[in-house]
C-alpha atoms as a PDB file:
ATOM      1  CA  UNK A   1      -1.158  22.063  52.357  1.00  0.00           C
ATOM      2  CA  UNK A   2      -1.165  18.400  53.006  1.00  0.00           C
ATOM      3  CA  UNK A   3      -4.641  17.749  51.025  1.00  0.00           C
ATOM      4  CA  UNK A   4      -3.245  19.395  47.806  1.00  0.00           C
ATOM      5  CA  UNK A   5      -2.067  17.133  45.190  1.00  0.00           C
ATOM      6  CA  UNK A   6      -0.541  18.358  41.670  1.00  0.00           C
ATOM      7  CA  UNK A   7      -1.009  16.278  38.582  1.00  0.00           C
ATOM      8  CA  UNK A   8       2.392  15.428  37.330  1.00  0.00           C
ATOM      9  CA  UNK A   9       2.850  14.114  33.892  1.00  0.00           C
ATOM     10  CA  UNK A  10       4.537  10.632  34.302  1.00  0.00           C
ATOM     11  CA  UNK A  11       6.849   9.472  31.617  1.00  0.00           C
ATOM     12  CA  UNK A  12       6.566   5.958  30.477  1.00  0.00           C
ATOM     13  CA  UNK A  13       9.247   4.243  28.687  1.00  0.00           C
ATOM     14  CA  UNK A  14       8.747   3.001  25.162  1.00  0.00           C
ATOM     15  CA  UNK A  15       6.318   0.061  24.453  1.00  0.00           C
ATOM     16  CA  UNK A  16       8.254  -2.910  23.145  1.00  0.00           C
ATOM     17  CA  UNK A  17       5.376  -4.461  21.410  1.00  0.00           C
ATOM     18  CA  UNK A  18       4.397  -1.164  19.733  1.00  0.00           C
ATOM     19  CA  UNK A  19       7.785  -0.755  18.428  1.00  0.00           C
ATOM     20  CA  UNK A  20       8.008  -4.368  17.385  1.00  0.00           C
ATOM     21  CA  UNK A  21       4.721  -3.740  15.261  1.00  0.00           C
ATOM     22  CA  UNK A  22       5.661  -0.273  13.878  1.00  0.00           C
ATOM     23  CA  UNK A  23       9.007  -1.697  12.708  1.00  0.00           C
ATOM     24  CA  UNK A  24       7.496  -4.822  11.156  1.00  0.00           C
ATOM     25  CA  UNK A  25       4.864  -2.711   9.307  1.00  0.00           C
ATOM     26  CA  UNK A  26       7.649  -0.391   8.121  1.00  0.00           C
ATOM     27  CA  UNK A  27       9.516  -3.108   7.032  1.00  0.00           C
ATOM     28  CA  UNK A  28       7.067  -4.809   5.114  1.00  0.00           C
ATOM     29  CA  UNK A  29       6.125  -1.718   3.362  1.00  0.00           C
ATOM     30  CA  UNK A  30       9.558  -0.897   2.218  1.00  0.00           C
ATOM     31  CA  UNK A  31      10.357  -4.592   1.207  1.00  0.00           C
ATOM     32  CA  UNK A  32       7.130  -4.714  -0.852  1.00  0.00           C
ATOM     33  CA  UNK A  33       7.986  -1.550  -2.592  1.00  0.00           C
ATOM     34  CA  UNK A  34      11.661  -2.832  -3.268  1.00  0.00           C
ATOM     35  CA  UNK A  35      10.223  -6.184  -4.675  1.00  0.00           C
ATOM     36  CA  UNK A  36       7.441  -4.355  -6.783  1.00  0.00           C
ATOM     37  CA  UNK A  37      10.485  -2.480  -8.149  1.00  0.00           C
ATOM     38  CA  UNK A  38      12.399  -5.361  -8.896  1.00  0.00           C
ATOM     39  CA  UNK A  39       9.418  -7.260 -10.560  1.00  0.00           C
ATOM     40  CA  UNK A  40       8.877  -4.296 -13.045  1.00  0.00           C
ATOM     41  CA  UNK A  41      12.736  -4.327 -13.954  1.00  0.00           C
ATOM     42  CA  UNK A  42      12.528  -7.876 -14.453  1.00  0.00           C
ATOM     43  CA  UNK A  43       9.533  -7.446 -16.586  1.00  0.00           C
ATOM     44  CA  UNK A  44      11.329  -5.093 -18.885  1.00  0.00           C
ATOM     45  CA  UNK A  45      14.339  -7.040 -19.201  1.00  0.00           C
ATOM     46  CA  UNK A  46      12.260 -10.095 -20.286  1.00  0.00           C
ATOM     47  CA  UNK A  47      10.189  -7.905 -22.862  1.00  0.00           C
ATOM     48  CA  UNK A  48      13.288  -6.601 -24.054  1.00  0.00           C
ATOM     49  CA  UNK A  49      14.824 -10.120 -24.820  1.00  0.00           C
ATOM     50  CA  UNK A  50      11.446 -11.427 -26.296  1.00  0.00           C
ATOM     51  CA  UNK A  51      11.450  -8.778 -28.782  1.00  0.00           C
ATOM     52  CA  UNK A  52      15.183  -9.400 -29.669  1.00  0.00           C
ATOM     53  CA  UNK A  53      14.416 -13.127 -30.002  1.00  0.00           C
ATOM     54  CA  UNK A  54      11.393 -12.428 -32.348  1.00  0.00           C
ATOM     55  CA  UNK A  55      13.622 -10.012 -34.508  1.00  0.00           C
ATOM     56  CA  UNK A  56      11.273  -7.038 -33.879  1.00  0.00           C
ATOM     57  CA  UNK A  57      14.412  -5.215 -32.715  1.00  0.00           C
ATOM     58  CA  UNK A  58      18.122  -5.488 -32.949  1.00  0.00           C
ATOM     59  CA  UNK A  59      21.337  -4.351 -31.367  1.00  0.00           C
ATOM     60  CA  UNK A  60      23.579  -2.431 -33.728  1.00  0.00           C
ATOM     61  CA  UNK A  61      27.078  -2.139 -31.938  1.00  0.00           C
ATOM     62  CA  UNK A  62      28.896   1.310 -32.674  1.00  0.00           C
ATOM     63  CA  UNK A  63      32.497   1.230 -34.051  1.00  0.00           C
END
């Protein structure tokens, strides 16, 4: 029985470098999507004020 070895699964802790890389990639992806959203909103607002300034649209206040 001394010659028998049983293969045990060794549990490893989390890899710090791997965690940092994954978090960085996810952070950059989320930040990019957020920035693109803000650019689109800024473009909409800018085009609205451009049309308002040209007189192509007008604002009528309800009474």
